[in-house]
């Protein structure tokens, strides 16, 4: 079976080669980590500590692991963690978040690559974040004598239907997993129905709640607010993790509201870095003043600002509390930057394009109004916990199947608004601006919900400790 999979993987790579080359040339993908991916030549671990190999596919899973790693470092210093990831953006963020740990690309699911990686890492447990099942990798774990675990497991209705069609194959793989820690009872039932051993499935809650920052006055948010020149009477609307055409939808709405609400500021944070440039071109074509995050520099002292009442809108703003005395810009990065750079510190453009990876969590802390992207398209939504934890008025579109459990919690607690279409988004933002109590109530409910969900990381660590015994 393993060798048949090797042949299948090679055929798939050959078939996809033109597309892979196009992605490498045009978007800069798939240019790194060939030795680790194809040969399993990952860094060689030298210590004899108990080892947890934590695998995070991309940016979302890397962020998910942060509270777990911190808890392990604090409570189990006798353990060693190593981090693998699949994507270039995941690798970049993992190196930034875990500079003290060994970080590497996960080998592709070839028998020789997975076996070589096992020999070099010598893990006691392979920990897969959410769900990333590769047959040869799991078999290599078993041959090595290590355990395999899934943490923060989730299984959407769409994935569940797909796995159920091939249940005999999936069940055979799941029976080799020693621990499946899932977010809720629905996911637990689905895992059991497709073949997981019942005694291995445990409901721990979602670790994503534990990783959320709830204090707007944290240093990262304060620093970014100062760089952007936000003041206490600014109202920040952040559209985060957006995909095409959500940026254009948001920009059109902002252009209609901007004159009526002069203190409204807009932050655009595209989900994929390769789209930064195309969104920048769209902003240039809009004719509205805007700025790149990478054109901001930290200068001047930050000052504390109390919550203020916006005279135009009547909305109480609980801001992060800082404003920069000055903002300097870096050298030109696009043809329109010279015009934008001519603005004085008192004329900060009201639109900021966040063209930096790994900062979205801190930027959410500057926002009073939040739109979580990937929800008007076919992606299935993005993580809405971060803006909820800060107490923002959270909204998202109709397509959120990747986060159906969290959406269910939030809607049941009146902690967010789900929007049927772009017109509903405009009505939502307008209501937040004209009805401050509506926005404040949404934010209070959202933050309360997050606080009540805390503790999944601790429960997950206890289960992993049991495996290591």
Protein backbone atom coordinates (compact mmCIF):
# COMPACT_ATOMS: atom_id res chain seq x y z
CA UNK A 1 0.00 0.00 0.00
CA UNK A 2 2.78 2.44 0.92
CA UNK A 3 4.56 1.96 -2.39
CA UNK A 4 1.33 2.39 -4.33
CA UNK A 5 0.90 5.72 -2.56
CA UNK A 6 4.45 6.69 -3.57
CA UNK A 7 3.59 6.05 -7.21
CA UNK A 8 0.32 7.95 -6.89
CA UNK A 9 2.03 10.96 -5.30
CA UNK A 10 4.68 11.04 -8.03
CA UNK A 11 2.05 10.91 -10.75
CA UNK A 12 0.11 13.72 -9.10
CA UNK A 13 3.25 15.87 -8.89
CA UNK A 14 4.10 15.23 -12.54
CA UNK A 15 0.54 16.02 -13.58
CA UNK A 16 0.57 19.24 -11.52
CA UNK A 17 4.09 20.30 -12.53
CA UNK A 18 3.05 23.06 -14.99
CA UNK A 19 0.78 24.60 -12.37
CA UNK A 20 3.45 24.28 -9.66
CA UNK A 21 6.04 25.99 -11.86
CA UNK A 22 3.59 28.78 -12.68
CA UNK A 23 2.91 29.29 -8.96
CA UNK A 24 6.65 29.35 -8.26
CA UNK A 25 7.40 31.92 -10.98
CA UNK A 26 4.36 34.17 -10.64
CA UNK A 27 3.60 33.96 -6.92
CA UNK A 28 6.86 32.81 -5.34
CA UNK A 29 5.38 29.58 -3.95
CA UNK A 30 7.07 26.18 -3.65
CA UNK A 31 10.63 27.52 -3.88
CA UNK A 32 11.99 26.31 -0.55
CA UNK A 33 12.54 23.20 1.50
CA UNK A 34 13.07 20.64 -1.26
CA UNK A 35 15.57 18.57 0.75
CA UNK A 36 13.21 18.32 3.71
CA UNK A 37 10.10 17.75 1.62
CA UNK A 38 11.38 15.17 -0.86
CA UNK A 39 14.19 13.48 1.09
CA UNK A 40 13.25 14.02 4.72
CA UNK A 41 16.51 15.90 5.39
CA UNK A 42 15.13 17.87 8.31
CA UNK A 43 17.37 19.20 11.11
CA UNK A 44 18.89 16.44 13.21
CA UNK A 45 17.81 16.54 16.86
CA UNK A 46 20.65 15.91 19.32
CA UNK A 47 19.08 16.03 22.79
CA UNK A 48 17.61 13.08 24.69
CA UNK A 49 14.58 14.93 26.05
CA UNK A 50 11.05 13.73 25.43
CA UNK A 51 10.19 15.17 22.02
CA UNK A 52 6.88 16.49 20.67
CA UNK A 53 6.89 17.01 16.92
CA UNK A 54 4.14 19.60 16.41
CA UNK A 55 2.88 19.90 12.83
CA UNK A 56 1.10 23.06 11.68
CA UNK A 57 0.04 23.23 8.05
CA UNK A 58 0.05 27.00 7.64
CA UNK A 59 -0.43 30.33 9.39
CA UNK A 60 -3.64 29.47 11.23
CA UNK A 61 -2.24 26.31 12.76
CA UNK A 62 1.05 28.02 13.68
CA UNK A 63 -0.88 30.64 15.65
CA UNK A 64 -2.93 27.86 17.24
CA UNK A 65 0.22 26.18 18.64
CA UNK A 66 1.58 29.31 20.32
CA UNK A 67 -0.34 29.00 23.64
CA UNK A 68 0.40 25.27 23.80
CA UNK A 69 4.13 25.76 23.31
CA UNK A 70 4.21 28.49 25.93
CA UNK A 71 2.37 26.25 28.39
CA UNK A 72 4.75 23.35 27.72
CA UNK A 73 7.79 25.59 28.22
CA UNK A 74 6.36 26.81 31.52
CA UNK A 75 5.04 23.53 32.95
CA UNK A 76 7.12 20.81 31.21
CA UNK A 77 10.65 22.15 30.67
CA UNK A 78 11.83 18.52 30.45
CA UNK A 79 10.08 18.22 27.06
CA UNK A 80 11.44 19.42 23.73
CA UNK A 81 9.17 20.75 20.98
CA UNK A 82 9.98 20.94 17.27
CA UNK A 83 7.70 22.57 14.71
CA UNK A 84 7.02 21.56 11.12
CA UNK A 85 4.88 23.38 8.59
CA UNK A 86 3.87 22.98 4.97
CA UNK A 87 3.60 26.45 3.43
CA UNK A 88 6.15 29.25 2.98
CA UNK A 89 3.95 31.69 4.92
CA UNK A 90 3.60 29.14 7.70
CA UNK A 91 7.38 28.72 7.80
CA UNK A 92 7.96 32.47 7.93
CA UNK A 93 5.52 32.91 10.80
CA UNK A 94 6.77 29.84 12.69
CA UNK A 95 10.33 31.16 12.67
CA UNK A 96 9.04 34.47 13.94
CA UNK A 97 6.81 32.99 16.64
CA UNK A 98 9.20 30.22 17.77
CA UNK A 99 12.77 31.54 17.37
CA UNK A 100 13.91 29.26 20.22
CA UNK A 101 12.67 26.07 18.54
CA UNK A 102 13.71 23.93 15.59
CA UNK A 103 11.39 24.77 12.67
CA UNK A 104 11.37 22.88 9.37
CA UNK A 105 9.27 21.89 6.38
CA UNK A 106 7.30 18.70 6.89
CA UNK A 107 8.36 15.91 4.51
CA UNK A 108 5.97 14.96 1.75
CA UNK A 109 4.17 11.67 2.28
CA UNK A 110 6.77 9.47 0.58
CA UNK A 111 7.97 6.43 2.51
CA UNK A 112 11.65 7.36 2.27
CA UNK A 113 11.11 11.00 3.26
CA UNK A 114 8.93 10.27 6.28
CA UNK A 115 11.27 7.51 7.49
CA UNK A 116 14.32 9.75 7.19
CA UNK A 117 12.59 12.55 9.08
CA UNK A 118 11.65 10.16 11.88
CA UNK A 119 15.26 9.00 12.24
CA UNK A 120 16.51 12.58 12.43
CA UNK A 121 13.86 14.01 14.79
CA UNK A 122 13.29 10.89 16.95
CA UNK A 123 9.91 12.10 18.29
CA UNK A 124 7.98 10.53 21.13
CA UNK A 125 4.71 12.00 19.84
CA UNK A 126 3.71 13.43 16.47
CA UNK A 127 1.06 16.07 17.18
CA UNK A 128 -1.12 17.12 14.23
CA UNK A 129 -2.96 20.43 14.58
CA UNK A 130 -6.67 20.16 13.69
CA UNK A 131 -6.52 17.42 11.01
CA UNK A 132 -3.72 16.49 8.63
CA UNK A 133 -3.77 12.77 7.90
CA UNK A 134 -1.02 11.34 5.69
CA UNK A 135 -0.83 7.52 5.62
CA UNK A 136 2.93 7.09 5.18
CA UNK A 137 3.70 9.70 7.83
CA UNK A 138 1.43 7.96 10.34
CA UNK A 139 2.96 4.57 9.50
CA UNK A 140 6.44 5.99 9.95
CA UNK A 141 5.43 7.18 13.41
CA UNK A 142 4.23 3.70 14.34
CA UNK A 143 7.36 2.01 12.98
CA UNK A 144 9.48 4.42 14.98
CA UNK A 145 7.63 3.42 18.14
CA UNK A 146 6.17 6.85 18.73
CA UNK A 147 2.57 7.95 19.38
CA UNK A 148 0.34 10.02 17.08
CA UNK A 149 -2.15 12.63 18.23
CA UNK A 150 -4.61 15.08 16.71
CA UNK A 151 -5.27 18.21 18.76
CA UNK A 152 -7.96 20.86 18.36
CA UNK A 153 -9.53 18.39 15.94
CA UNK A 154 -12.40 19.46 13.74
CA UNK A 155 -14.27 17.73 10.95
CA UNK A 156 -16.59 19.92 8.89
CA UNK A 157 -19.79 18.52 7.42
CA UNK A 158 -18.25 18.70 3.96
CA UNK A 159 -15.11 16.77 5.01
CA UNK A 160 -17.18 14.30 6.99
CA UNK A 161 -19.24 13.40 3.92
CA UNK A 162 -16.08 12.95 1.87
CA UNK A 163 -14.33 10.74 4.43
CA UNK A 164 -17.47 8.66 4.92
CA UNK A 165 -17.34 7.63 1.24
CA UNK A 166 -13.93 6.04 1.83
CA UNK A 167 -14.58 4.96 5.41
CA UNK A 168 -12.64 1.64 5.28
CA UNK A 169 -9.43 3.45 4.31
CA UNK A 170 -9.95 6.33 6.74
CA UNK A 171 -10.89 4.03 9.61
CA UNK A 172 -7.72 2.00 9.11
CA UNK A 173 -5.69 5.20 9.41
CA UNK A 174 -7.61 6.66 12.36
CA UNK A 175 -7.19 3.46 14.35
CA UNK A 176 -3.46 4.19 14.37
CA UNK A 177 -4.03 7.53 16.12
CA UNK A 178 -3.55 7.35 19.90
CA UNK A 179 -5.32 10.59 20.81
CA UNK A 180 -7.95 12.68 19.03
CA UNK A 181 -8.70 15.81 21.05
CA UNK A 182 -11.62 17.60 19.39
CA UNK A 183 -13.33 20.94 19.79
CA UNK A 184 -16.91 19.81 20.52
CA UNK A 185 -19.33 16.88 20.73
CA UNK A 186 -20.37 17.15 17.07
CA UNK A 187 -16.80 16.64 15.88
CA UNK A 188 -16.31 13.80 18.39
CA UNK A 189 -19.34 11.97 16.99
CA UNK A 190 -18.15 12.44 13.40
CA UNK A 191 -14.68 11.05 14.17
CA UNK A 192 -16.20 7.99 15.79
CA UNK A 193 -18.57 7.47 12.87
CA UNK A 194 -15.71 7.33 10.36
CA UNK A 195 -13.77 4.79 12.37
CA UNK A 196 -11.81 6.39 15.22
CA UNK A 197 -11.48 4.23 18.31
CA UNK A 198 -13.99 5.68 20.83
CA UNK A 199 -11.53 5.57 23.72
CA UNK A 200 -9.11 7.84 21.85
CA UNK A 201 -11.63 10.66 21.21
CA UNK A 202 -11.83 13.42 23.84
CA UNK A 203 -13.67 16.76 23.80
CA UNK A 204 -11.34 19.52 24.99
CA UNK A 205 -12.87 22.66 23.47
CA UNK A 206 -11.19 24.94 20.96
CA UNK A 207 -7.61 25.99 21.64
CA UNK A 208 -8.15 28.98 19.39
CA UNK A 209 -9.95 30.70 22.24
CA UNK A 210 -6.91 30.29 24.49
CA UNK A 211 -4.62 31.92 21.94
CA UNK A 212 -6.75 35.05 21.64
CA UNK A 213 -5.54 38.30 23.16
CA UNK A 214 -8.27 40.07 25.14
CA UNK A 215 -6.39 43.20 26.27
CA UNK A 216 -6.48 46.07 23.78
CA UNK A 217 -3.72 47.76 25.73
CA UNK A 218 -1.15 45.10 24.83
CA UNK A 219 2.20 46.40 23.61
CA UNK A 220 1.89 45.13 20.02
CA UNK A 221 -1.50 46.77 19.47
CA UNK A 222 -0.37 50.01 21.09
CA UNK A 223 2.72 50.13 18.88
CA UNK A 224 0.73 49.58 15.68
CA UNK A 225 -1.92 52.12 16.67
CA UNK A 226 0.81 54.69 17.24
CA UNK A 227 2.40 53.95 13.87
CA UNK A 228 -0.96 54.34 12.12
CA UNK A 229 -1.61 57.63 13.87
CA UNK A 230 -4.92 56.57 15.37
CA UNK A 231 -6.51 59.00 17.80
CA UNK A 232 -9.08 58.46 20.50
CA UNK A 233 -11.96 59.67 18.35
CA UNK A 234 -11.09 57.53 15.32
CA UNK A 235 -13.40 54.61 14.59
CA UNK A 236 -11.47 51.75 12.99
CA UNK A 237 -13.18 49.29 10.66
CA UNK A 238 -10.94 46.30 9.93
CA UNK A 239 -11.64 43.84 7.13
CA UNK A 240 -9.33 40.91 7.89
CA UNK A 241 -8.30 37.71 6.08
CA UNK A 242 -10.09 38.91 2.98
CA UNK A 243 -10.13 37.24 -0.41
CA UNK A 244 -11.26 38.43 -3.83
CA UNK A 245 -13.70 40.26 -4.26
CA UNK A 246 -14.13 41.20 -0.60
CA UNK A 247 -11.60 44.04 -0.71
CA UNK A 248 -13.48 45.77 -3.51
CA UNK A 249 -16.79 45.27 -1.67
CA UNK A 250 -15.39 46.81 1.50
CA UNK A 251 -13.75 49.68 -0.37
CA UNK A 252 -16.99 50.58 -2.16
CA UNK A 253 -18.86 50.63 1.14
CA UNK A 254 -16.16 52.73 2.78
CA UNK A 255 -16.19 55.27 -0.07
CA UNK A 256 -19.93 55.79 0.45
CA UNK A 257 -19.64 56.12 4.25
CA UNK A 258 -16.42 58.13 4.43
CA UNK A 259 -17.92 61.58 3.78
CA UNK A 260 -20.76 61.07 6.22
CA UNK A 261 -18.48 59.72 8.95
CA UNK A 262 -15.16 61.60 8.77
CA UNK A 263 -13.59 59.76 11.74
CA UNK A 264 -14.02 56.34 10.11
CA UNK A 265 -10.71 54.60 9.28
CA UNK A 266 -10.34 51.43 7.19
CA UNK A 267 -7.77 48.63 7.55
CA UNK A 268 -7.58 46.06 4.73
CA UNK A 269 -5.76 42.79 5.51
CA UNK A 270 -5.77 40.32 2.57
CA UNK A 271 -5.53 36.66 3.53
CA UNK A 272 -2.71 35.78 1.11
CA UNK A 273 0.52 37.80 0.78
CA UNK A 274 0.68 37.20 -2.98
CA UNK A 275 -2.43 39.37 -3.32
CA UNK A 276 -0.96 42.42 -1.59
CA UNK A 277 0.13 43.95 -4.89
CA UNK A 278 -3.19 43.40 -6.67
CA UNK A 279 -5.08 44.98 -3.78
CA UNK A 280 -2.62 47.89 -3.88
CA UNK A 281 -3.43 48.43 -7.57
CA UNK A 282 -7.13 48.38 -6.76
CA UNK A 283 -6.58 51.04 -4.08
CA UNK A 284 -4.62 53.20 -6.53
CA UNK A 285 -7.46 52.97 -9.02
CA UNK A 286 -10.00 54.03 -6.39
CA UNK A 287 -8.51 57.52 -6.17
CA UNK A 288 -8.78 57.47 -2.37
CA UNK A 289 -5.74 58.32 -0.20
CA UNK A 290 -4.21 55.19 1.28
CA UNK A 291 -0.98 53.84 2.71
CA UNK A 292 0.88 50.54 3.02
CA UNK A 293 1.72 49.13 6.43
CA UNK A 294 5.30 48.64 5.22
CA UNK A 295 5.56 52.37 4.57
CA UNK A 296 5.08 53.16 8.25
CA UNK A 297 7.99 53.68 10.60
CA UNK A 298 8.08 54.04 14.35
CA UNK A 299 9.07 57.55 15.35
CA UNK A 300 8.02 59.83 18.14
CA UNK A 301 6.59 59.04 21.53
CA UNK A 302 3.26 57.44 22.12
CA UNK A 303 0.77 59.11 24.45
CA UNK A 304 -2.18 57.76 26.40
CA UNK A 305 -5.62 58.66 25.11
CA UNK A 306 -8.79 58.20 27.16
CA UNK A 307 -11.97 56.86 25.51
CA UNK A 308 -13.67 59.75 23.74
CA UNK A 309 -17.10 60.45 22.34
CA UNK A 310 -17.11 61.03 18.58
CA UNK A 311 -19.12 64.23 18.02
CA UNK A 312 -20.17 63.25 14.52
CA UNK A 313 -21.14 59.66 15.16
CA UNK A 314 -21.86 59.46 18.88
CA UNK A 315 -19.94 56.21 19.31
CA UNK A 316 -17.85 55.56 22.40
CA UNK A 317 -14.47 54.30 21.29
CA UNK A 318 -12.44 52.05 23.58
CA UNK A 319 -9.23 52.46 21.65
CA UNK A 320 -5.88 50.89 22.28
CA UNK A 321 -4.90 54.20 23.78
CA UNK A 322 -1.95 55.52 21.79
CA UNK A 323 -1.13 57.85 19.00
CA UNK A 324 2.21 58.49 17.38
CA UNK A 325 3.61 62.00 17.42
CA UNK A 326 4.87 61.50 13.88
CA UNK A 327 4.78 58.85 11.20
CA UNK A 328 7.59 58.61 8.69
CA UNK A 329 7.38 56.70 5.44
CA UNK A 330 9.89 54.41 3.82
CA UNK A 331 11.14 54.89 0.24
CA UNK A 332 8.63 54.47 -2.54
CA UNK A 333 7.22 51.02 -3.10
CA UNK A 334 4.75 51.76 -5.87
CA UNK A 335 4.09 54.60 -8.38
CA UNK A 336 1.49 56.27 -6.17
CA UNK A 337 3.57 56.28 -2.98
CA UNK A 338 5.16 59.68 -3.63
CA UNK A 339 1.73 61.31 -3.57
CA UNK A 340 0.81 59.49 -0.37
CA UNK A 341 4.16 60.26 1.23
CA UNK A 342 3.58 63.97 0.80
CA UNK A 343 0.85 63.89 3.45
CA UNK A 344 1.67 65.50 6.78
CA UNK A 345 1.39 63.57 10.04
CA UNK A 346 -1.93 65.35 10.67
CA UNK A 347 -3.32 64.01 7.37
CA UNK A 348 -2.93 60.27 7.78
CA UNK A 349 -4.72 58.48 4.94
CA UNK A 350 -7.91 56.92 6.23
CA UNK A 351 -7.17 53.61 4.45
CA UNK A 352 -4.26 51.37 5.44
CA UNK A 353 -3.27 48.22 3.54
CA UNK A 354 -1.68 45.75 5.96
CA UNK A 355 0.93 44.14 3.70
CA UNK A 356 2.78 42.33 6.49
CA UNK A 357 2.45 38.71 7.65
CA UNK A 358 1.66 37.77 11.24
CA UNK A 359 0.31 41.11 12.51
CA UNK A 360 -3.43 40.66 12.04
CA UNK A 361 -3.98 39.56 15.64
CA UNK A 362 -2.54 42.81 16.99
CA UNK A 363 -4.32 44.97 14.40
CA UNK A 364 -7.67 43.51 15.47
CA UNK A 365 -7.06 45.22 18.80
CA UNK A 366 -7.27 48.63 17.14
CA UNK A 367 -10.70 47.97 15.58
CA UNK A 368 -14.16 48.73 16.88
CA UNK A 369 -15.91 47.27 13.80
CA UNK A 370 -14.77 43.95 12.32
CA UNK A 371 -15.51 42.07 9.12
CA UNK A 372 -13.96 38.60 8.95
CA UNK A 373 -13.21 37.69 5.34
CA UNK A 374 -13.25 34.48 3.38
CA UNK A 375 -16.98 34.41 4.08
CA UNK A 376 -18.44 35.95 0.91
CA UNK A 377 -16.48 33.52 -1.27
CA UNK A 378 -15.89 29.78 -1.32
CA UNK A 379 -13.17 29.58 1.32
CA UNK A 380 -15.55 28.82 4.17
CA UNK A 381 -14.62 31.70 6.45
CA UNK A 382 -11.66 32.61 8.65
CA UNK A 383 -11.01 32.80 12.38
CA UNK A 384 -13.41 35.26 14.02
CA UNK A 385 -12.23 34.64 17.58
CA UNK A 386 -9.49 37.29 17.60
CA UNK A 387 -11.75 40.32 16.96
CA UNK A 388 -14.36 38.83 19.31
CA UNK A 389 -11.78 38.55 22.10
CA UNK A 390 -11.01 42.27 21.83
CA UNK A 391 -14.71 43.10 22.09
CA UNK A 392 -15.14 44.39 18.53
CA UNK A 393 -18.51 44.37 16.79
CA UNK A 394 -17.94 41.26 14.66
CA UNK A 395 -19.52 40.42 11.31
CA UNK A 396 -18.95 37.83 8.60
CA UNK A 397 -20.63 36.59 5.43
CA UNK A 398 -22.83 33.54 4.88
CA UNK A 399 -20.10 31.01 4.01
CA UNK A 400 -18.43 30.01 7.28
CA UNK A 401 -18.50 26.22 7.23
CA UNK A 402 -14.85 25.97 8.33
CA UNK A 403 -15.81 27.61 11.62
CA UNK A 404 -19.37 26.40 11.96
CA UNK A 405 -19.02 25.55 15.65
CA UNK A 406 -17.63 28.96 16.56
CA UNK A 407 -20.24 30.70 14.42
CA UNK A 408 -22.94 28.71 16.19
CA UNK A 409 -21.64 29.78 19.61
CA UNK A 410 -21.35 33.43 18.62
CA UNK A 411 -24.76 33.73 16.97
CA UNK A 412 -26.46 31.95 19.87
CA UNK A 413 -24.93 34.45 22.30
CA UNK A 414 -25.68 37.51 20.13
CA UNK A 415 -21.92 38.01 19.84
CA UNK A 416 -21.74 38.54 16.06
CA UNK A 417 -23.84 39.25 12.99
CA UNK A 418 -23.91 36.98 9.95
CA UNK A 419 -24.49 38.88 6.71
CA UNK A 420 -26.39 37.53 3.73
CA UNK A 421 -24.75 39.78 1.13
CA UNK A 422 -22.60 42.93 0.66
CA UNK A 423 -25.64 45.18 1.08
CA UNK A 424 -26.12 43.71 4.56
CA UNK A 425 -22.48 44.51 5.35
CA UNK A 426 -23.05 48.16 4.54
CA UNK A 427 -26.15 48.25 6.73
CA UNK A 428 -24.18 46.61 9.55
CA UNK A 429 -21.32 49.12 9.45
CA UNK A 430 -23.75 52.04 9.24
CA UNK A 431 -25.68 50.75 12.24
CA UNK A 432 -22.47 50.39 14.25
CA UNK A 433 -21.67 54.00 13.45
CA UNK A 434 -25.11 55.41 14.23
CA UNK A 435 -26.15 53.07 17.06
CA UNK A 436 -23.18 52.84 19.43
CA UNK A 437 -25.05 50.76 21.99
CA UNK A 438 -25.70 48.08 19.36
CA UNK A 439 -21.98 47.88 18.57
CA UNK A 440 -20.96 47.95 22.22
CA UNK A 441 -23.40 45.18 23.16
CA UNK A 442 -22.12 42.95 20.36
CA UNK A 443 -18.56 43.53 21.53
CA UNK A 444 -19.34 42.83 25.19
CA UNK A 445 -21.11 39.60 24.31
CA UNK A 446 -18.26 38.49 22.06
CA UNK A 447 -15.58 39.09 24.66
CA UNK A 448 -17.65 37.36 27.36
CA UNK A 449 -18.06 34.31 25.12
CA UNK A 450 -14.31 34.02 24.55
CA UNK A 451 -13.53 34.33 28.26
CA UNK A 452 -15.96 31.50 29.06
CA UNK A 453 -14.28 29.14 26.54
CA UNK A 454 -10.76 29.35 27.94
CA UNK A 455 -8.95 26.22 29.15
CA UNK A 456 -8.74 23.92 26.11
CA UNK A 457 -4.95 24.21 25.93
CA UNK A 458 -4.53 23.04 29.51
CA UNK A 459 -6.85 20.07 28.93
CA UNK A 460 -4.93 19.18 25.76
CA UNK A 461 -1.60 19.27 27.59
CA UNK A 462 -2.93 16.91 30.26
CA UNK A 463 -3.93 14.38 27.57
CA UNK A 464 -0.53 14.63 25.86
CA UNK A 465 1.18 14.10 29.23
CA UNK A 466 -0.84 10.93 29.71
CA UNK A 467 0.39 9.64 26.34
CA UNK A 468 4.00 10.34 27.27
CA UNK A 469 3.67 8.23 30.42
